[in-house]
C-alpha atoms as a PDB file:
ATOM      1  CA  UNK A   1       7.148 -69.831  25.842  1.00  0.00           C
ATOM      2  CA  UNK A   2       4.023 -70.138  27.678  1.00  0.00           C
ATOM      3  CA  UNK A   3       2.591 -67.209  25.372  1.00  0.00           C
ATOM      4  CA  UNK A   4       3.597 -69.397  22.126  1.00  0.00           C
ATOM      5  CA  UNK A   5       2.502 -72.799  23.419  1.00  0.00           C
ATOM      6  CA  UNK A   6      -1.149 -73.690  22.090  1.00  0.00           C
ATOM      7  CA  UNK A   7      -3.461 -75.885  24.491  1.00  0.00           C
ATOM      8  CA  UNK A   8      -1.431 -79.087  23.825  1.00  0.00           C
ATOM      9  CA  UNK A   9       1.672 -77.474  25.325  1.00  0.00           C
ATOM     10  CA  UNK A  10       3.934 -78.031  22.452  1.00  0.00           C
ATOM     11  CA  UNK A  11       5.612 -75.470  20.452  1.00  0.00           C
ATOM     12  CA  UNK A  12       6.652 -76.588  16.946  1.00  0.00           C
ATOM     13  CA  UNK A  13      10.365 -75.423  16.051  1.00  0.00           C
ATOM     14  CA  UNK A  14      11.180 -75.341  12.287  1.00  0.00           C
ATOM     15  CA  UNK A  15      14.867 -76.645  12.072  1.00  0.00           C
ATOM     16  CA  UNK A  16      14.870 -77.407   8.392  1.00  0.00           C
ATOM     17  CA  UNK A  17      17.115 -74.381   7.471  1.00  0.00           C
ATOM     18  CA  UNK A  18      19.460 -74.532  10.432  1.00  0.00           C
ATOM     19  CA  UNK A  19      22.443 -75.904   8.216  1.00  0.00           C
ATOM     20  CA  UNK A  20      24.948 -78.489   9.454  1.00  0.00           C
ATOM     21  CA  UNK A  21      24.472 -79.637  12.800  1.00  0.00           C
ATOM     22  CA  UNK A  22      26.909 -78.806  15.398  1.00  0.00           C
ATOM     23  CA  UNK A  23      27.079 -77.966  19.153  1.00  0.00           C
ATOM     24  CA  UNK A  24      25.503 -74.503  18.743  1.00  0.00           C
ATOM     25  CA  UNK A  25      22.210 -75.953  17.348  1.00  0.00           C
ATOM     26  CA  UNK A  26      22.340 -78.760  20.289  1.00  0.00           C
ATOM     27  CA  UNK A  27      22.688 -75.930  22.892  1.00  0.00           C
ATOM     28  CA  UNK A  28      19.976 -73.828  21.303  1.00  0.00           C
ATOM     29  CA  UNK A  29      17.392 -76.667  21.351  1.00  0.00           C
ATOM     30  CA  UNK A  30      18.516 -77.850  25.000  1.00  0.00           C
ATOM     31  CA  UNK A  31      17.752 -74.313  26.063  1.00  0.00           C
ATOM     32  CA  UNK A  32      14.431 -74.100  24.223  1.00  0.00           C
ATOM     33  CA  UNK A  33      13.328 -77.473  25.586  1.00  0.00           C
ATOM     34  CA  UNK A  34      14.112 -76.455  29.058  1.00  0.00           C
ATOM     35  CA  UNK A  35      12.215 -73.173  28.906  1.00  0.00           C
ATOM     36  CA  UNK A  36       9.303 -75.014  27.489  1.00  0.00           C
ATOM     37  CA  UNK A  37       9.388 -77.505  30.230  1.00  0.00           C
ATOM     38  CA  UNK A  38       9.706 -74.823  32.808  1.00  0.00           C
ATOM     39  CA  UNK A  39       6.278 -73.340  31.174  1.00  0.00           C
ATOM     40  CA  UNK A  40       4.703 -76.863  31.261  1.00  0.00           C
ATOM     41  CA  UNK A  41       5.194 -77.859  27.772  1.00  0.00           C
ATOM     42  CA  UNK A  42       7.625 -79.141  25.296  1.00  0.00           C
ATOM     43  CA  UNK A  43       9.109 -78.560  21.767  1.00  0.00           C
ATOM     44  CA  UNK A  44       8.811 -80.613  18.685  1.00  0.00           C
ATOM     45  CA  UNK A  45      10.915 -80.354  15.811  1.00  0.00           C
ATOM     46  CA  UNK A  46       9.850 -79.711  12.209  1.00  0.00           C
ATOM     47  CA  UNK A  47      12.184 -80.903   9.413  1.00  0.00           C
ATOM     48  CA  UNK A  48      15.078 -82.073  11.371  1.00  0.00           C
ATOM     49  CA  UNK A  49      18.071 -83.595   9.161  1.00  0.00           C
ATOM     50  CA  UNK A  50      18.965 -87.195   9.993  1.00  0.00           C
ATOM     51  CA  UNK A  51      22.354 -85.590  11.044  1.00  0.00           C
ATOM     52  CA  UNK A  52      20.756 -83.365  13.802  1.00  0.00           C
ATOM     53  CA  UNK A  53      18.481 -86.165  14.900  1.00  0.00           C
ATOM     54  CA  UNK A  54      21.436 -88.374  15.197  1.00  0.00           C
ATOM     55  CA  UNK A  55      23.421 -85.690  17.310  1.00  0.00           C
ATOM     56  CA  UNK A  56      20.556 -84.930  19.503  1.00  0.00           C
ATOM     57  CA  UNK A  57      20.357 -88.665  20.201  1.00  0.00           C
ATOM     58  CA  UNK A  58      24.127 -88.928  21.036  1.00  0.00           C
ATOM     59  CA  UNK A  59      23.901 -86.293  23.449  1.00  0.00           C
ATOM     60  CA  UNK A  60      20.920 -87.451  24.967  1.00  0.00           C
ATOM     61  CA  UNK A  61      18.395 -85.055  24.007  1.00  0.00           C
ATOM     62  CA  UNK A  62      15.023 -86.845  23.194  1.00  0.00           C
ATOM     63  CA  UNK A  63      13.385 -84.095  21.767  1.00  0.00           C
ATOM     64  CA  UNK A  64      10.104 -85.024  19.780  1.00  0.00           C
ATOM     65  CA  UNK A  65       9.776 -84.638  16.168  1.00  0.00           C
ATOM     66  CA  UNK A  66       6.483 -83.294  14.677  1.00  0.00           C
ATOM     67  CA  UNK A  67       4.012 -86.026  13.526  1.00  0.00           C
ATOM     68  CA  UNK A  68       5.689 -88.755  15.496  1.00  0.00           C
ATOM     69  CA  UNK A  69       4.335 -90.508  18.285  1.00  0.00           C
ATOM     70  CA  UNK A  70       6.451 -89.558  21.655  1.00  0.00           C
ATOM     71  CA  UNK A  71       7.938 -92.765  22.944  1.00  0.00           C
ATOM     72  CA  UNK A  72       6.078 -94.519  25.484  1.00  0.00           C
ATOM     73  CA  UNK A  73       2.790 -93.215  24.090  1.00  0.00           C
ATOM     74  CA  UNK A  74       0.457 -95.014  22.053  1.00  0.00           C
ATOM     75  CA  UNK A  75      -0.526 -93.421  18.759  1.00  0.00           C
ATOM     76  CA  UNK A  76      -3.940 -91.336  18.784  1.00  0.00           C
ATOM     77  CA  UNK A  77      -6.876 -93.453  18.600  1.00  0.00           C
ATOM     78  CA  UNK A  78      -4.946 -96.748  19.580  1.00  0.00           C
ATOM     79  CA  UNK A  79      -6.002 -98.632  22.645  1.00  0.00           C
ATOM     80  CA  UNK A  80      -4.302-101.388  24.268  1.00  0.00           C
ATOM     81  CA  UNK A  81      -6.434-104.266  25.329  1.00  0.00           C
ATOM     82  CA  UNK A  82      -5.771-107.935  26.727  1.00  0.00           C
ATOM     83  CA  UNK A  83      -7.924-110.661  25.164  1.00  0.00           C
ATOM     84  CA  UNK A  84      -9.575-113.162  27.469  1.00  0.00           C
ATOM     85  CA  UNK A  85      -7.659-116.295  27.612  1.00  0.00           C
ATOM     86  CA  UNK A  86      -4.269-114.451  26.808  1.00  0.00           C
ATOM     87  CA  UNK A  87      -1.255-115.914  28.582  1.00  0.00           C
ATOM     88  CA  UNK A  88      -0.897-112.600  30.305  1.00  0.00           C
ATOM     89  CA  UNK A  89      -4.156-112.414  32.285  1.00  0.00           C
END
């Protein structure tokens, strides 16, 4: 996976043609994600069907989808700020 990952460390996997989601697809994607993490990267899915995304969520695999911001990270170019006089300050 190290040889496939660009500088960002994210390998994009096109899953649009996988067919109906099942445990074989989940196992394959889990193994790819594990290999990517061991190499210091991650995978991102391109074109997953809603049923595949639901199945991955059901089994607890939070694999990133290409073009979506990873949970817990701000979108590119977005900065968080606290205004003076704000109740939080």
